[in-house]
Amino acid sequence: MNDEAIYICDNCGEEIVVPIDPTGGSSQEYVEDCPVCCNPNVIHVEIDHDDVARVWAVAEQDQY
């Protein structure tokens, strides 16, 4: 499994590299500020049975 993945900031559209922590479980969610535009994103991580991580972001104001 890769120890990093890329998501697209839902606020500014930049590609952001984040570390993947498999010890967090197969479905993870956390808030992280974009290092480019500083707006908060809810980061979603899903790790499948083949240890492939899928990562995407939703702007925090649009999440709930």
Protein backbone atom coordinates (compact mmCIF):
# COMPACT_ATOMS: atom_id res chain seq x y z
CA MET A 1 0.00 0.00 0.00
CA ASN A 2 1.16 3.53 -0.75
CA ASP A 3 1.79 5.66 2.30
CA GLU A 4 0.53 8.81 0.52
CA ALA A 5 -2.44 9.78 -1.61
CA ILE A 6 -3.66 12.86 -3.47
CA TYR A 7 -6.95 14.69 -3.13
CA ILE A 8 -8.25 17.80 -4.87
CA CYS A 9 -9.09 20.70 -2.55
CA ASP A 10 -12.82 21.33 -2.84
CA ASN A 11 -12.19 25.04 -2.23
CA CYS A 12 -9.31 25.98 -4.56
CA GLY A 13 -8.88 22.93 -6.83
CA GLU A 14 -5.21 22.29 -5.95
CA GLU A 15 -3.85 18.75 -5.68
CA ILE A 16 -2.84 18.02 -2.08
CA VAL A 17 -0.71 15.07 -0.93
CA VAL A 18 -1.67 13.49 2.40
CA PRO A 19 -0.22 10.57 4.35
CA ILE A 20 -2.29 7.40 4.61
CA ASP A 21 -2.52 5.71 8.01
CA PRO A 22 -3.85 2.15 7.59
CA THR A 23 -4.09 1.76 11.38
CA GLY A 24 -7.00 4.25 11.31
CA GLY A 25 -9.28 1.65 9.74
CA SER A 26 -10.76 1.10 6.31
CA SER A 27 -13.03 4.16 6.49
CA GLN A 28 -11.64 7.42 7.88
CA GLU A 29 -12.82 11.03 8.04
CA TYR A 30 -11.03 14.08 9.43
CA VAL A 31 -10.83 17.85 8.93
CA GLU A 32 -7.68 19.40 7.51
CA ASP A 33 -6.96 22.93 6.34
CA CYS A 34 -5.72 23.17 2.75
CA PRO A 35 -2.05 24.18 2.77
CA VAL A 36 -2.66 26.36 -0.30
CA CYS A 37 -5.87 28.30 0.44
CA CYS A 38 -6.17 27.58 4.21
CA ASN A 39 -9.85 26.62 3.94
CA PRO A 40 -11.00 23.53 5.88
CA ASN A 41 -11.80 20.30 4.05
CA VAL A 42 -13.33 17.10 5.37
CA ILE A 43 -10.96 14.42 4.11
CA HIS A 44 -12.47 11.01 3.40
CA VAL A 45 -10.26 7.93 3.13
CA GLU A 46 -11.47 4.48 2.12
CA ILE A 47 -9.05 1.57 1.97
CA ASP A 48 -10.30 -1.45 0.01
CA HIS A 49 -9.52 -5.15 0.46
CA ASP A 50 -6.51 -4.83 -1.85
CA ASP A 51 -5.10 -2.02 0.35
CA VAL A 52 -5.80 0.61 -2.29
CA ALA A 53 -6.71 3.97 -0.74
CA ARG A 54 -9.33 6.26 -2.25
CA VAL A 55 -9.17 9.83 -0.92
CA TRP A 56 -11.46 12.78 -1.58
CA ALA A 57 -12.30 16.07 0.08
CA VAL A 58 -15.48 18.03 0.67
CA ALA A 59 -15.37 21.67 1.75
CA GLU A 60 -16.27 21.67 5.45
CA GLN A 61 -19.07 24.20 4.94
CA ASP A 62 -20.66 21.83 2.37
CA GLN A 63 -20.24 18.62 4.40
CA TYR A 64 -23.06 18.90 6.93
